[in-house]
Amino acid sequence: MTLEDCAALSALREDAALSIDPEVELAGPLTRAWVVCADEPGPALGYALGWWVVDELQVLAIGVLPAARGRGFGHYLLEHLLNHTRAAGGRRVILEVASHNTPARRLYESAGFRLFNLRRRYYPNGDDALEMEFVTQG
């Protein structure tokens, strides 16, 4: 992910679930970032951000531009970061998702993520946060 990708994907910052600033995160030593394009080369249509901590990846955000949703780009990004984590010897991938974010929950559950913790009324709107994990190694 580059600063140009961040600019191309800036519309995603309007989504409350994606309020994290990729430009700021790119400077962090723990940050891992990926983008997805329809064609190579082509404009960025979505991104995934995470922090690599010891032997696990903590997903900060996965977002796809509204016009590109429903075409499998989110699934592609998620599979890519799972494969990256496995290849790097990572033990697990963790993330947090709002309980009412049904499309994201379906995506994560279809990839094999399982709920490991519930934070009741975690978000300012009163929604619960679901902490989910994908274990990459026995």
Protein backbone atom coordinates (compact mmCIF):
# COMPACT_ATOMS: atom_id res chain seq x y z
CA MET A 1 0.00 0.00 0.00
CA THR A 2 1.33 3.41 -0.96
CA LEU A 3 0.35 6.98 -0.13
CA GLU A 4 -1.24 7.16 -3.60
CA ASP A 5 -3.39 4.13 -2.69
CA CYS A 6 -4.44 5.90 0.51
CA ALA A 7 -5.59 8.89 -1.51
CA ALA A 8 -7.51 6.68 -3.97
CA LEU A 9 -9.26 4.92 -1.08
CA SER A 10 -9.94 8.01 1.03
CA ALA A 11 -13.71 7.68 0.51
CA LEU A 12 -13.62 4.64 2.80
CA ARG A 13 -12.72 6.89 5.75
CA GLU A 14 -16.37 8.04 5.77
CA ASP A 15 -17.40 4.55 6.87
CA ALA A 16 -17.43 4.50 10.68
CA ALA A 17 -15.97 0.98 10.72
CA LEU A 18 -13.03 2.18 8.62
CA SER A 19 -12.23 5.45 10.36
CA ILE A 20 -8.61 4.39 10.90
CA ASP A 21 -6.20 6.45 8.79
CA PRO A 22 -4.11 4.18 6.56
CA GLU A 23 -1.64 7.00 5.88
CA VAL A 24 -0.81 7.26 9.58
CA GLU A 25 -0.66 3.48 9.98
CA LEU A 26 1.78 3.00 7.09
CA ALA A 27 4.48 4.73 9.14
CA GLY A 28 4.14 2.26 12.01
CA PRO A 29 6.74 -0.48 12.50
CA LEU A 30 4.10 -3.15 13.18
CA THR A 31 1.85 -2.30 10.24
CA ARG A 32 1.23 -4.64 7.34
CA ALA A 33 -0.90 -3.35 4.46
CA TRP A 34 -2.33 -4.73 1.23
CA VAL A 35 -4.42 -3.34 -1.62
CA VAL A 36 -6.58 -5.03 -4.22
CA CYS A 37 -7.07 -3.91 -7.82
CA ALA A 38 -9.36 -5.28 -10.52
CA ASP A 39 -6.48 -5.33 -13.02
CA GLU A 40 -2.73 -5.02 -12.72
CA PRO A 41 -1.87 -2.20 -12.95
CA GLY A 42 -5.05 -0.47 -11.95
CA PRO A 43 -6.58 1.74 -9.31
CA ALA A 44 -6.84 0.43 -5.76
CA LEU A 45 -10.37 -0.78 -4.97
CA GLY A 46 -9.82 -1.93 -1.41
CA TYR A 47 -7.29 -2.44 1.33
CA ALA A 48 -6.45 -4.44 4.43
CA LEU A 49 -4.43 -3.16 7.36
CA GLY A 50 -3.04 -5.09 10.28
CA TRP A 51 -0.44 -5.07 13.00
CA TRP A 52 2.07 -7.91 13.14
CA VAL A 53 2.78 -8.58 16.84
CA VAL A 54 5.22 -11.40 17.65
CA ASP A 55 3.40 -14.32 16.00
CA GLU A 56 -0.03 -13.00 15.17
CA LEU A 57 -1.71 -10.51 12.89
CA GLN A 58 -4.27 -8.15 14.39
CA VAL A 59 -6.55 -6.94 11.59
CA LEU A 60 -7.30 -3.23 11.91
CA ALA A 61 -9.46 -2.80 8.82
CA ILE A 62 -10.59 -4.40 5.60
CA GLY A 63 -12.44 -2.11 3.25
CA VAL A 64 -13.63 -2.09 -0.34
CA LEU A 65 -14.95 0.95 -2.18
CA PRO A 66 -18.78 0.86 -2.41
CA ALA A 67 -18.77 0.62 -6.22
CA ALA A 68 -16.55 -2.49 -6.05
CA ARG A 69 -18.40 -4.36 -3.30
CA GLY A 70 -19.98 -7.72 -3.95
CA ARG A 71 -17.27 -8.75 -6.42
CA GLY A 72 -15.10 -10.81 -4.05
CA PHE A 73 -12.41 -8.22 -3.34
CA GLY A 74 -12.92 -8.36 0.43
CA HIS A 75 -12.68 -12.14 0.35
CA TYR A 76 -9.52 -11.92 -1.75
CA LEU A 77 -7.90 -9.49 0.71
CA LEU A 78 -8.82 -11.68 3.68
CA GLU A 79 -7.45 -14.84 2.04
CA HIS A 80 -4.28 -13.00 1.12
CA LEU A 81 -3.60 -11.82 4.66
CA LEU A 82 -4.35 -15.31 6.02
CA ASN A 83 -1.86 -16.79 3.56
CA HIS A 84 0.68 -14.12 4.46
CA THR A 85 0.28 -14.91 8.15
CA ARG A 86 0.76 -18.65 7.55
CA ALA A 87 3.82 -18.07 5.36
CA ALA A 88 5.38 -15.82 8.03
CA GLY A 89 4.86 -18.49 10.70
CA GLY A 90 2.02 -16.65 12.38
CA ARG A 91 -0.05 -18.52 14.95
CA ARG A 92 -3.33 -16.68 14.52
CA VAL A 93 -5.20 -13.73 13.06
CA ILE A 94 -7.51 -11.71 15.30
CA LEU A 95 -10.01 -8.98 14.57
CA GLU A 96 -12.93 -7.09 16.03
CA VAL A 97 -16.24 -6.52 14.24
CA ALA A 98 -19.50 -4.84 15.24
CA SER A 99 -22.24 -7.38 15.89
CA HIS A 100 -24.58 -5.57 13.47
CA ASN A 101 -22.05 -5.58 10.61
CA THR A 102 -23.59 -8.62 8.95
CA PRO A 103 -21.62 -8.53 5.66
CA ALA A 104 -18.28 -8.43 7.50
CA ARG A 105 -19.35 -11.14 9.94
CA ARG A 106 -20.37 -13.41 7.06
CA LEU A 107 -17.04 -12.82 5.35
CA TYR A 108 -15.04 -13.68 8.47
CA GLU A 109 -17.17 -16.69 9.37
CA SER A 110 -16.94 -18.06 5.81
CA ALA A 111 -13.13 -17.89 6.09
CA GLY A 112 -13.17 -19.90 9.34
CA PHE A 113 -12.99 -17.17 11.99
CA ARG A 114 -14.56 -18.06 15.34
CA LEU A 115 -15.84 -15.84 18.14
CA PHE A 116 -13.59 -15.82 21.21
CA ASN A 117 -14.86 -12.79 23.13
CA LEU A 118 -17.83 -10.46 23.28
CA ARG A 119 -17.55 -6.84 24.40
CA ARG A 120 -21.06 -5.70 25.25
CA ARG A 121 -22.04 -2.15 24.22
CA TYR A 122 -18.46 -1.46 23.15
CA TYR A 123 -19.21 1.03 20.38
CA PRO A 124 -20.63 4.55 20.96
CA ASN A 125 -23.89 3.50 19.27
CA GLY A 126 -24.31 0.70 21.84
CA ASP A 127 -23.41 -2.11 19.46
CA ASP A 128 -21.45 -5.08 20.77
CA ALA A 129 -17.94 -5.85 19.53
CA LEU A 130 -17.21 -9.43 18.53
CA GLU A 131 -13.61 -10.48 18.86
CA MET A 132 -12.86 -13.24 16.38
CA GLU A 133 -9.84 -15.37 15.62
CA PHE A 134 -8.49 -17.61 12.93
CA VAL A 135 -5.94 -20.13 14.16
CA THR A 136 -3.35 -20.87 11.49
CA GLN A 137 -1.39 -23.54 13.35
CA GLY A 138 -2.37 -26.48 15.58
